[in-house]
């Protein structure tokens, strides 16, 4: 399970997903189904999300399928943005239909 803040044209949302990576084409396609064509994604620790969202997290996590799924945990951009510090977020991944960042070098 991964948690991520997705910065969109209308503001940030907090999502939970079973995709292994935020770069997965299936994940990007799922965001597209939700009308998100261009975004910046930053992973956040699932334990921190569980701690901050409590019961709301539990309700959503019980609705997530075991494979290739995505659920929006919080779509209140102000709440999402101020609930997490930049230090708590992973490296940003930027996506738009004509451009996808190459994988990070290890």
PDB file of N, CA and C in Angstrom:
ATOM      1  N   UNK A   1       0.845  -1.175   0.000  1.00  0.00           N
ATOM      2  CA  UNK A   1       0.000   0.000   0.000  1.00  0.00           C
ATOM      3  C   UNK A   1       0.884   1.231   0.000  1.00  0.00           C
ATOM      4  N   UNK A   2       0.505   2.207  -0.803  1.00  0.00           N
ATOM      5  CA  UNK A   2       1.195   3.483  -0.860  1.00  0.00           C
ATOM      6  C   UNK A   2       0.190   4.593  -0.590  1.00  0.00           C
ATOM      7  N   UNK A   3       0.688   5.674  -0.018  1.00  0.00           N
ATOM      8  CA  UNK A   3      -0.097   6.894   0.151  1.00  0.00           C
ATOM      9  C   UNK A   3       0.663   7.996  -0.564  1.00  0.00           C
ATOM     10  N   UNK A   4      -0.075   8.905  -1.173  1.00  0.00           N
ATOM     11  CA  UNK A   4       0.577   9.990  -1.898  1.00  0.00           C
ATOM     12  C   UNK A   4      -0.310  11.210  -1.919  1.00  0.00           C
ATOM     13  N   UNK A   5       0.355  12.358  -1.974  1.00  0.00           N
ATOM     14  CA  UNK A   5      -0.335  13.609  -2.218  1.00  0.00           C
ATOM     15  C   UNK A   5      -0.174  13.886  -3.702  1.00  0.00           C
ATOM     16  N   UNK A   6      -1.295  14.103  -4.365  1.00  0.00           N
ATOM     17  CA  UNK A   6      -1.310  14.398  -5.791  1.00  0.00           C
ATOM     18  C   UNK A   6      -1.691  15.868  -5.938  1.00  0.00           C
ATOM     19  N   UNK A   7      -0.759  16.661  -6.444  1.00  0.00           N
ATOM     20  CA  UNK A   7      -1.009  18.078  -6.678  1.00  0.00           C
ATOM     21  C   UNK A   7      -1.597  18.213  -8.081  1.00  0.00           C
ATOM     22  N   UNK A   8      -2.835  18.691  -8.148  1.00  0.00           N
ATOM     23  CA  UNK A   8      -3.563  18.796  -9.410  1.00  0.00           C
ATOM     24  C   UNK A   8      -3.892  20.258  -9.684  1.00  0.00           C
ATOM     25  N   UNK A   9      -4.520  20.509 -10.795  1.00  0.00           N
ATOM     26  CA  UNK A   9      -4.920  21.864 -11.147  1.00  0.00           C
ATOM     27  C   UNK A   9      -5.913  22.473 -10.181  1.00  0.00           C
ATOM     28  N   UNK A  10      -6.669  21.658  -9.472  1.00  0.00           N
ATOM     29  CA  UNK A  10      -7.653  22.168  -8.516  1.00  0.00           C
ATOM     30  C   UNK A  10      -7.171  22.084  -7.075  1.00  0.00           C
ATOM     31  N   UNK A  11      -5.949  21.621  -6.866  1.00  0.00           N
ATOM     32  CA  UNK A  11      -5.391  21.533  -5.521  1.00  0.00           C
ATOM     33  C   UNK A  11      -4.984  20.108  -5.182  1.00  0.00           C
ATOM     34  N   UNK A  12      -4.331  19.934  -4.035  1.00  0.00           N
ATOM     35  CA  UNK A  12      -3.846  18.609  -3.660  1.00  0.00           C
ATOM     36  C   UNK A  12      -4.963  17.693  -3.155  1.00  0.00           C
ATOM     37  N   UNK A  13      -4.783  16.396  -3.427  1.00  0.00           N
ATOM     38  CA  UNK A  13      -5.638  15.348  -2.864  1.00  0.00           C
ATOM     39  C   UNK A  13      -4.724  14.299  -2.250  1.00  0.00           C
ATOM     40  N   UNK A  14      -5.232  13.566  -1.284  1.00  0.00           N
ATOM     41  CA  UNK A  14      -4.486  12.483  -0.646  1.00  0.00           C
ATOM     42  C   UNK A  14      -5.094  11.171  -1.101  1.00  0.00           C
ATOM     43  N   UNK A  15      -4.247  10.285  -1.635  1.00  0.00           N
ATOM     44  CA  UNK A  15      -4.764   9.018  -2.152  1.00  0.00           C
ATOM     45  C   UNK A  15      -4.053   7.837  -1.473  1.00  0.00           C
ATOM     46  N   UNK A  16      -4.724   6.700  -1.527  1.00  0.00           N
ATOM     47  CA  UNK A  16      -4.141   5.410  -1.160  1.00  0.00           C
ATOM     48  C   UNK A  16      -4.195   4.543  -2.406  1.00  0.00           C
ATOM     49  N   UNK A  17      -3.148   3.775  -2.642  1.00  0.00           N
ATOM     50  CA  UNK A  17      -3.128   2.915  -3.820  1.00  0.00           C
ATOM     51  C   UNK A  17      -2.368   1.629  -3.553  1.00  0.00           C
ATOM     52  N   UNK A  18      -2.748   0.592  -4.271  1.00  0.00           N
ATOM     53  CA  UNK A  18      -2.027  -0.672  -4.190  1.00  0.00           C
ATOM     54  C   UNK A  18      -0.986  -0.791  -5.294  1.00  0.00           C
ATOM     55  N   UNK A  19      -0.901   0.195  -6.176  1.00  0.00           N
ATOM     56  CA  UNK A  19       0.131   0.157  -7.221  1.00  0.00           C
ATOM     57  C   UNK A  19       1.508   0.221  -6.571  1.00  0.00           C
ATOM     58  N   UNK A  20       2.465  -0.495  -7.134  1.00  0.00           N
ATOM     59  CA  UNK A  20       3.817  -0.566  -6.577  1.00  0.00           C
ATOM     60  C   UNK A  20       4.566   0.746  -6.706  1.00  0.00           C
ATOM     61  N   UNK A  21       4.214   1.532  -7.714  1.00  0.00           N
ATOM     62  CA  UNK A  21       4.909   2.794  -7.945  1.00  0.00           C
ATOM     63  C   UNK A  21       3.941   3.828  -8.501  1.00  0.00           C
ATOM     64  N   UNK A  22       4.212   5.082  -8.213  1.00  0.00           N
ATOM     65  CA  UNK A  22       3.381   6.164  -8.734  1.00  0.00           C
ATOM     66  C   UNK A  22       3.640   6.402 -10.217  1.00  0.00           C
ATOM     67  N   UNK A  23       4.656   5.761 -10.767  1.00  0.00           N
ATOM     68  CA  UNK A  23       4.984   5.864 -12.190  1.00  0.00           C
ATOM     69  C   UNK A  23       4.301   4.776 -13.022  1.00  0.00           C
ATOM     70  N   UNK A  24       3.604   3.869 -12.371  1.00  0.00           N
ATOM     71  CA  UNK A  24       2.943   2.767 -13.066  1.00  0.00           C
ATOM     72  C   UNK A  24       1.917   3.313 -14.061  1.00  0.00           C
ATOM     73  N   UNK A  25       1.964   2.873 -15.318  1.00  0.00           N
ATOM     74  CA  UNK A  25       0.987   3.349 -16.309  1.00  0.00           C
ATOM     75  C   UNK A  25      -0.465   3.112 -15.882  1.00  0.00           C
ATOM     76  N   UNK A  26      -0.716   2.020 -15.175  1.00  0.00           N
ATOM     77  CA  UNK A  26      -2.074   1.752 -14.688  1.00  0.00           C
ATOM     78  C   UNK A  26      -2.519   2.784 -13.666  1.00  0.00           C
ATOM     79  N   UNK A  27      -1.606   3.199 -12.797  1.00  0.00           N
ATOM     80  CA  UNK A  27      -1.901   4.235 -11.807  1.00  0.00           C
ATOM     81  C   UNK A  27      -2.220   5.552 -12.515  1.00  0.00           C
ATOM     82  N   UNK A  28      -1.394   5.906 -13.487  1.00  0.00           N
ATOM     83  CA  UNK A  28      -1.592   7.139 -14.239  1.00  0.00           C
ATOM     84  C   UNK A  28      -2.927   7.097 -14.983  1.00  0.00           C
ATOM     85  N   UNK A  29      -3.259   5.935 -15.527  1.00  0.00           N
ATOM     86  CA  UNK A  29      -4.533   5.761 -16.221  1.00  0.00           C
ATOM     87  C   UNK A  29      -5.711   5.941 -15.249  1.00  0.00           C
ATOM     88  N   UNK A  30      -5.589   5.372 -14.041  1.00  0.00           N
ATOM     89  CA  UNK A  30      -6.656   5.512 -13.034  1.00  0.00           C
ATOM     90  C   UNK A  30      -6.873   6.978 -12.682  1.00  0.00           C
ATOM     91  N   UNK A  31      -5.777   7.745 -12.537  1.00  0.00           N
ATOM     92  CA  UNK A  31      -5.927   9.172 -12.270  1.00  0.00           C
ATOM     93  C   UNK A  31      -6.643   9.847 -13.431  1.00  0.00           C
ATOM     94  N   UNK A  32      -6.314   9.427 -14.644  1.00  0.00           N
ATOM     95  CA  UNK A  32      -6.980   9.967 -15.831  1.00  0.00           C
ATOM     96  C   UNK A  32      -8.478   9.732 -15.788  1.00  0.00           C
ATOM     97  N   UNK A  33      -8.893   8.546 -15.313  1.00  0.00           N
ATOM     98  CA  UNK A  33     -10.325   8.249 -15.180  1.00  0.00           C
ATOM     99  C   UNK A  33     -10.995   9.219 -14.209  1.00  0.00           C
ATOM    100  N   UNK A  34     -10.227   9.714 -13.265  1.00  0.00           N
ATOM    101  CA  UNK A  34     -10.759  10.667 -12.291  1.00  0.00           C
ATOM    102  C   UNK A  34     -10.627  12.111 -12.786  1.00  0.00           C
ATOM    103  N   UNK A  35     -10.193  12.281 -14.040  1.00  0.00           N
ATOM    104  CA  UNK A  35     -10.077  13.601 -14.629  1.00  0.00           C
ATOM    105  C   UNK A  35      -8.746  14.291 -14.372  1.00  0.00           C
ATOM    106  N   UNK A  36      -7.780  13.563 -13.837  1.00  0.00           N
ATOM    107  CA  UNK A  36      -6.471  14.143 -13.532  1.00  0.00           C
ATOM    108  C   UNK A  36      -5.498  13.735 -14.639  1.00  0.00           C
ATOM    109  N   UNK A  37      -5.212  14.662 -15.527  1.00  0.00           N
ATOM    110  CA  UNK A  37      -4.349  14.387 -16.675  1.00  0.00           C
ATOM    111  C   UNK A  37      -2.911  14.846 -16.458  1.00  0.00           C
ATOM    112  N   UNK A  38      -2.719  15.820 -15.582  1.00  0.00           N
ATOM    113  CA  UNK A  38      -1.407  16.406 -15.333  1.00  0.00           C
ATOM    114  C   UNK A  38      -1.281  16.580 -13.826  1.00  0.00           C
ATOM    115  N   UNK A  39      -0.140  16.156 -13.256  1.00  0.00           N
ATOM    116  CA  UNK A  39      -0.028  16.196 -11.802  1.00  0.00           C
ATOM    117  C   UNK A  39       1.425  16.132 -11.341  1.00  0.00           C
ATOM    118  N   UNK A  40       1.597  16.457 -10.081  1.00  0.00           N
ATOM    119  CA  UNK A  40       2.842  16.214  -9.358  1.00  0.00           C
ATOM    120  C   UNK A  40       2.451  15.314  -8.196  1.00  0.00           C
ATOM    121  N   UNK A  41       3.133  14.197  -8.042  1.00  0.00           N
ATOM    122  CA  UNK A  41       2.832  13.242  -6.971  1.00  0.00           C
ATOM    123  C   UNK A  41       4.020  13.149  -6.019  1.00  0.00           C
ATOM    124  N   UNK A  42       3.716  13.105  -4.733  1.00  0.00           N
ATOM    125  CA  UNK A  42       4.743  12.916  -3.716  1.00  0.00           C
ATOM    126  C   UNK A  42       4.234  11.887  -2.718  1.00  0.00           C
ATOM    127  N   UNK A  43       4.997  10.830  -2.554  1.00  0.00           N
ATOM    128  CA  UNK A  43       4.610   9.781  -1.622  1.00  0.00           C
ATOM    129  C   UNK A  43       4.726  10.291  -0.187  1.00  0.00           C
ATOM    130  N   UNK A  44       3.840   9.792   0.682  1.00  0.00           N
ATOM    131  CA  UNK A  44       3.911  10.080   2.118  1.00  0.00           C
ATOM    132  C   UNK A  44       3.824   8.752   2.857  1.00  0.00           C
ATOM    133  N   UNK A  45       4.443   8.657   4.032  1.00  0.00           N
ATOM    134  CA  UNK A  45       4.428   7.390   4.773  1.00  0.00           C
ATOM    135  C   UNK A  45       3.006   6.963   5.165  1.00  0.00           C
ATOM    136  N   UNK A  46       2.678   5.727   4.853  1.00  0.00           N
ATOM    137  CA  UNK A  46       1.348   5.195   5.156  1.00  0.00           C
ATOM    138  C   UNK A  46       1.070   5.255   6.662  1.00  0.00           C
ATOM    139  N   UNK A  47       2.056   4.953   7.487  1.00  0.00           N
ATOM    140  CA  UNK A  47       1.844   4.999   8.943  1.00  0.00           C
ATOM    141  C   UNK A  47       1.476   6.403   9.415  1.00  0.00           C
ATOM    142  N   UNK A  48       2.083   7.405   8.810  1.00  0.00           N
ATOM    143  CA  UNK A  48       1.773   8.790   9.154  1.00  0.00           C
ATOM    144  C   UNK A  48       0.345   9.139   8.727  1.00  0.00           C
ATOM    145  N   UNK A  49      -0.058   8.684   7.560  1.00  0.00           N
ATOM    146  CA  UNK A  49      -1.424   8.913   7.078  1.00  0.00           C
ATOM    147  C   UNK A  49      -2.416   8.227   8.015  1.00  0.00           C
ATOM    148  N   UNK A  50      -2.120   6.996   8.405  1.00  0.00           N
ATOM    149  CA  UNK A  50      -2.993   6.259   9.330  1.00  0.00           C
ATOM    150  C   UNK A  50      -3.135   7.026  10.647  1.00  0.00           C
ATOM    151  N   UNK A  51      -2.033   7.544  11.146  1.00  0.00           N
ATOM    152  CA  UNK A  51      -2.030   8.294  12.405  1.00  0.00           C
ATOM    153  C   UNK A  51      -2.866   9.574  12.292  1.00  0.00           C
ATOM    154  N   UNK A  52      -2.727  10.285  11.198  1.00  0.00           N
ATOM    155  CA  UNK A  52      -3.407  11.569  11.035  1.00  0.00           C
ATOM    156  C   UNK A  52      -4.888  11.422  10.689  1.00  0.00           C
ATOM    157  N   UNK A  53      -5.253  10.329  10.018  1.00  0.00           N
ATOM    158  CA  UNK A  53      -6.626  10.195   9.520  1.00  0.00           C
ATOM    159  C   UNK A  53      -7.464   9.175  10.282  1.00  0.00           C
ATOM    160  N   UNK A  54      -6.862   8.341  11.114  1.00  0.00           N
ATOM    161  CA  UNK A  54      -7.586   7.443  12.005  1.00  0.00           C
ATOM    162  C   UNK A  54      -8.715   6.657  11.374  1.00  0.00           C
ATOM    163  N   UNK A  55      -9.942   6.889  11.838  1.00  0.00           N
ATOM    164  CA  UNK A  55     -11.110   6.149  11.378  1.00  0.00           C
ATOM    165  C   UNK A  55     -11.351   6.325   9.887  1.00  0.00           C
ATOM    166  N   UNK A  56     -11.165   7.541   9.385  1.00  0.00           N
ATOM    167  CA  UNK A  56     -11.356   7.791   7.951  1.00  0.00           C
ATOM    168  C   UNK A  56     -10.410   6.907   7.132  1.00  0.00           C
ATOM    169  N   UNK A  57      -9.172   6.760   7.597  1.00  0.00           N
ATOM    170  CA  UNK A  57      -8.203   5.883   6.934  1.00  0.00           C
ATOM    171  C   UNK A  57      -8.718   4.442   6.948  1.00  0.00           C
ATOM    172  N   UNK A  58      -9.177   3.981   8.100  1.00  0.00           N
ATOM    173  CA  UNK A  58      -9.651   2.595   8.241  1.00  0.00           C
ATOM    174  C   UNK A  58     -10.815   2.300   7.303  1.00  0.00           C
ATOM    175  N   UNK A  59     -11.746   3.228   7.196  1.00  0.00           N
ATOM    176  CA  UNK A  59     -12.911   3.039   6.315  1.00  0.00           C
ATOM    177  C   UNK A  59     -12.449   2.915   4.865  1.00  0.00           C
ATOM    178  N   UNK A  60     -11.571   3.793   4.444  1.00  0.00           N
ATOM    179  CA  UNK A  60     -11.100   3.784   3.049  1.00  0.00           C
ATOM    180  C   UNK A  60     -10.244   2.555   2.775  1.00  0.00           C
ATOM    181  N   UNK A  61      -9.358   2.197   3.686  1.00  0.00           N
ATOM    182  CA  UNK A  61      -8.454   1.057   3.467  1.00  0.00           C
ATOM    183  C   UNK A  61      -9.239  -0.237   3.327  1.00  0.00           C
ATOM    184  N   UNK A  62     -10.343  -0.352   4.013  1.00  0.00           N
ATOM    185  CA  UNK A  62     -11.168  -1.547   3.904  1.00  0.00           C
ATOM    186  C   UNK A  62     -11.899  -1.629   2.570  1.00  0.00           C
ATOM    187  N   UNK A  63     -11.923  -0.514   1.839  1.00  0.00           N
ATOM    188  CA  UNK A  63     -12.589  -0.476   0.539  1.00  0.00           C
ATOM    189  C   UNK A  63     -11.612  -0.652  -0.624  1.00  0.00           C
ATOM    190  N   UNK A  64     -10.312  -0.641  -0.334  1.00  0.00           N
ATOM    191  CA  UNK A  64      -9.304  -0.758  -1.391  1.00  0.00           C
ATOM    192  C   UNK A  64      -9.115  -2.225  -1.755  1.00  0.00           C
ATOM    193  N   UNK A  65      -9.179  -2.521  -3.062  1.00  0.00           N
ATOM    194  CA  UNK A  65      -8.957  -3.883  -3.528  1.00  0.00           C
ATOM    195  C   UNK A  65      -7.497  -4.253  -3.304  1.00  0.00           C
ATOM    196  N   UNK A  66      -7.194  -5.523  -3.376  1.00  0.00           N
ATOM    197  CA  UNK A  66      -5.838  -5.991  -3.108  1.00  0.00           C
ATOM    198  C   UNK A  66      -4.841  -5.655  -4.207  1.00  0.00           C
ATOM    199  N   UNK A  67      -5.309  -5.432  -5.429  1.00  0.00           N
ATOM    200  CA  UNK A  67      -4.380  -5.146  -6.521  1.00  0.00           C
ATOM    201  C   UNK A  67      -4.880  -3.987  -7.369  1.00  0.00           C
ATOM    202  N   UNK A  68      -3.936  -3.231  -7.861  1.00  0.00           N
ATOM    203  CA  UNK A  68      -4.185  -2.171  -8.849  1.00  0.00           C
ATOM    204  C   UNK A  68      -5.384  -1.290  -8.540  1.00  0.00           C
ATOM    205  N   UNK A  69      -5.414  -0.714  -7.353  1.00  0.00           N
ATOM    206  CA  UNK A  69      -6.543   0.122  -7.012  1.00  0.00           C
ATOM    207  C   UNK A  69      -6.064   1.464  -6.482  1.00  0.00           C
ATOM    208  N   UNK A  70      -6.994   2.412  -6.432  1.00  0.00           N
ATOM    209  CA  UNK A  70      -6.702   3.756  -5.980  1.00  0.00           C
ATOM    210  C   UNK A  70      -7.952   4.317  -5.320  1.00  0.00           C
ATOM    211  N   UNK A  71      -7.784   4.913  -4.155  1.00  0.00           N
ATOM    212  CA  UNK A  71      -8.897   5.545  -3.450  1.00  0.00           C
ATOM    213  C   UNK A  71      -8.455   6.925  -2.985  1.00  0.00           C
ATOM    214  N   UNK A  72      -9.355   7.898  -3.086  1.00  0.00           N
ATOM    215  CA  UNK A  72      -9.091   9.240  -2.571  1.00  0.00           C
ATOM    216  C   UNK A  72      -9.460   9.243  -1.093  1.00  0.00           C
ATOM    217  N   UNK A  73      -8.495   9.579  -0.248  1.00  0.00           N
ATOM    218  CA  UNK A  73      -8.717   9.631   1.193  1.00  0.00           C
ATOM    219  C   UNK A  73      -9.176  11.018   1.622  1.00  0.00           C
ATOM    220  N   UNK A  74      -8.634  12.059   0.979  1.00  0.00           N
ATOM    221  CA  UNK A  74      -9.001  13.426   1.335  1.00  0.00           C
ATOM    222  C   UNK A  74      -8.880  14.306   0.095  1.00  0.00           C
ATOM    223  N   UNK A  75      -9.941  14.999  -0.250  1.00  0.00           N
ATOM    224  CA  UNK A  75      -9.925  15.891  -1.405  1.00  0.00           C
ATOM    225  C   UNK A  75     -10.027  17.357  -0.996  1.00  0.00           C
ATOM    226  N   UNK A  76      -9.964  17.634   0.313  1.00  0.00           N
ATOM    227  CA  UNK A  76      -9.942  19.003   0.812  1.00  0.00           C
ATOM    228  C   UNK A  76      -8.495  19.494   0.719  1.00  0.00           C
ATOM    229  N   UNK A  77      -8.194  20.217  -0.357  1.00  0.00           N
ATOM    230  CA  UNK A  77      -6.822  20.634  -0.640  1.00  0.00           C
ATOM    231  C   UNK A  77      -6.153  21.369   0.498  1.00  0.00           C
ATOM    232  N   UNK A  78      -6.873  22.266   1.154  1.00  0.00           N
ATOM    233  CA  UNK A  78      -6.298  23.004   2.283  1.00  0.00           C
ATOM    234  C   UNK A  78      -5.883  22.044   3.394  1.00  0.00           C
ATOM    235  N   UNK A  79      -6.767  21.114   3.709  1.00  0.00           N
ATOM    236  CA  UNK A  79      -6.494  20.129   4.748  1.00  0.00           C
ATOM    237  C   UNK A  79      -5.283  19.264   4.391  1.00  0.00           C
ATOM    238  N   UNK A  80      -5.250  18.757   3.167  1.00  0.00           N
ATOM    239  CA  UNK A  80      -4.145  17.897   2.718  1.00  0.00           C
ATOM    240  C   UNK A  80      -2.837  18.669   2.760  1.00  0.00           C
ATOM    241  N   UNK A  81      -2.825  19.872   2.218  1.00  0.00           N
ATOM    242  CA  UNK A  81      -1.591  20.655   2.112  1.00  0.00           C
ATOM    243  C   UNK A  81      -0.996  20.953   3.481  1.00  0.00           C
ATOM    244  N   UNK A  82      -1.844  21.289   4.453  1.00  0.00           N
ATOM    245  CA  UNK A  82      -1.336  21.670   5.766  1.00  0.00           C
ATOM    246  C   UNK A  82      -1.212  20.506   6.746  1.00  0.00           C
ATOM    247  N   UNK A  83      -1.678  19.331   6.371  1.00  0.00           N
ATOM    248  CA  UNK A  83      -1.545  18.154   7.236  1.00  0.00           C
ATOM    249  C   UNK A  83      -0.147  17.537   7.171  1.00  0.00           C
ATOM    250  N   UNK A  84       0.600  17.831   6.115  1.00  0.00           N
ATOM    251  CA  UNK A  84       1.915  17.213   5.917  1.00  0.00           C
ATOM    252  C   UNK A  84       2.951  18.279   5.607  1.00  0.00           C
ATOM    253  N   UNK A  85       4.128  18.128   6.207  1.00  0.00           N
ATOM    254  CA  UNK A  85       5.226  19.045   5.878  1.00  0.00           C
ATOM    255  C   UNK A  85       5.935  18.509   4.629  1.00  0.00           C
ATOM    256  N   UNK A  86       6.639  19.374   3.940  1.00  0.00           N
ATOM    257  CA  UNK A  86       7.393  18.933   2.771  1.00  0.00           C
ATOM    258  C   UNK A  86       8.449  17.896   3.167  1.00  0.00           C
ATOM    259  N   UNK A  87       8.962  17.992   4.386  1.00  0.00           N
ATOM    260  CA  UNK A  87       9.969  17.024   4.860  1.00  0.00           C
ATOM    261  C   UNK A  87       9.392  15.611   4.953  1.00  0.00           C
ATOM    262  N   UNK A  88       8.079  15.511   5.133  1.00  0.00           N
ATOM    263  CA  UNK A  88       7.429  14.204   5.261  1.00  0.00           C
ATOM    264  C   UNK A  88       7.110  13.582   3.906  1.00  0.00           C
ATOM    265  N   UNK A  89       7.277  14.340   2.850  1.00  0.00           N
ATOM    266  CA  UNK A  89       6.927  13.866   1.504  1.00  0.00           C
ATOM    267  C   UNK A  89       8.154  13.344   0.775  1.00  0.00           C
ATOM    268  N   UNK A  90       7.931  12.335  -0.062  1.00  0.00           N
ATOM    269  CA  UNK A  90       8.997  11.806  -0.898  1.00  0.00           C
ATOM    270  C   UNK A  90       9.323  12.756  -2.038  1.00  0.00           C
ATOM    271  N   UNK A  91      10.241  12.319  -2.874  1.00  0.00           N
ATOM    272  CA  UNK A  91      10.644  13.117  -4.031  1.00  0.00           C
ATOM    273  C   UNK A  91       9.463  13.276  -4.997  1.00  0.00           C
ATOM    274  N   UNK A  92       9.334  14.448  -5.611  1.00  0.00           N
ATOM    275  CA  UNK A  92       8.211  14.659  -6.526  1.00  0.00           C
ATOM    276  C   UNK A  92       8.378  13.906  -7.840  1.00  0.00           C
ATOM    277  N   UNK A  93       7.258  13.436  -8.340  1.00  0.00           N
ATOM    278  CA  UNK A  93       7.173  12.835  -9.673  1.00  0.00           C
ATOM    279  C   UNK A  93       6.180  13.673 -10.459  1.00  0.00           C
ATOM    280  N   UNK A  94       6.637  14.213 -11.586  1.00  0.00           N
ATOM    281  CA  UNK A  94       5.781  15.070 -12.417  1.00  0.00           C
ATOM    282  C   UNK A  94       5.319  14.290 -13.642  1.00  0.00           C
ATOM    283  N   UNK A  95       4.039  14.475 -13.981  1.00  0.00           N
ATOM    284  CA  UNK A  95       3.495  13.798 -15.154  1.00  0.00           C
ATOM    285  C   UNK A  95       2.556  14.727 -15.912  1.00  0.00           C
ATOM    286  N   UNK A  96       2.680  14.722 -17.211  1.00  0.00           N
ATOM    287  CA  UNK A  96       1.690  15.301 -18.101  1.00  0.00           C
ATOM    288  C   UNK A  96       1.687  14.434 -19.354  1.00  0.00           C
ATOM    289  N   UNK A  97       0.592  14.389 -20.091  1.00  0.00           N
ATOM    290  CA  UNK A  97       0.451  13.425 -21.187  1.00  0.00           C
ATOM    291  C   UNK A  97       1.610  13.376 -22.177  1.00  0.00           C
ATOM    292  N   UNK A  98       2.225  14.491 -22.478  1.00  0.00           N
ATOM    293  CA  UNK A  98       3.303  14.499 -23.470  1.00  0.00           C
ATOM    294  C   UNK A  98       4.677  14.255 -22.855  1.00  0.00           C
ATOM    295  N   UNK A  99       4.757  14.179 -21.524  1.00  0.00           N
ATOM    296  CA  UNK A  99       6.053  14.050 -20.867  1.00  0.00           C
ATOM    297  C   UNK A  99       5.922  13.246 -19.597  1.00  0.00           C
ATOM    298  N   UNK A 100       6.769  12.255 -19.414  1.00  0.00           N
ATOM    299  CA  UNK A 100       6.848  11.548 -18.147  1.00  0.00           C
ATOM    300  C   UNK A 100       8.305  11.507 -17.749  1.00  0.00           C
ATOM    301  N   UNK A 101       8.607  11.879 -16.514  1.00  0.00           N
ATOM    302  CA  UNK A 101       9.989  11.871 -16.062  1.00  0.00           C
ATOM    303  C   UNK A 101      10.577  10.479 -16.190  1.00  0.00           C
ATOM    304  N   UNK A 102      11.850  10.387 -16.549  1.00  0.00           N
ATOM    305  CA  UNK A 102      12.492   9.075 -16.582  1.00  0.00           C
ATOM    306  C   UNK A 102      12.654   8.540 -15.163  1.00  0.00           C
ATOM    307  N   UNK A 103      12.820   7.213 -15.019  1.00  0.00           N
ATOM    308  CA  UNK A 103      13.033   6.638 -13.685  1.00  0.00           C
ATOM    309  C   UNK A 103      14.277   7.248 -13.037  1.00  0.00           C
ATOM    310  N   UNK A 104      14.249   7.330 -11.712  1.00  0.00           N
ATOM    311  CA  UNK A 104      15.401   7.840 -10.968  1.00  0.00           C
ATOM    312  C   UNK A 104      16.563   6.889 -11.085  1.00  0.00           C
ATOM    313  N   UNK A 105      17.755   7.442 -11.174  1.00  0.00           N
ATOM    314  CA  UNK A 105      18.967   6.607 -11.194  1.00  0.00           C
ATOM    315  C   UNK A 105      19.233   6.116  -9.780  1.00  0.00           C
ATOM    316  N   UNK A 106      19.680   4.890  -9.674  1.00  0.00           N
ATOM    317  CA  UNK A 106      19.955   4.329  -8.342  1.00  0.00           C
ATOM    318  C   UNK A 106      21.448   4.223  -8.146  1.00  0.00           C
TER     319      UNK A 106
END
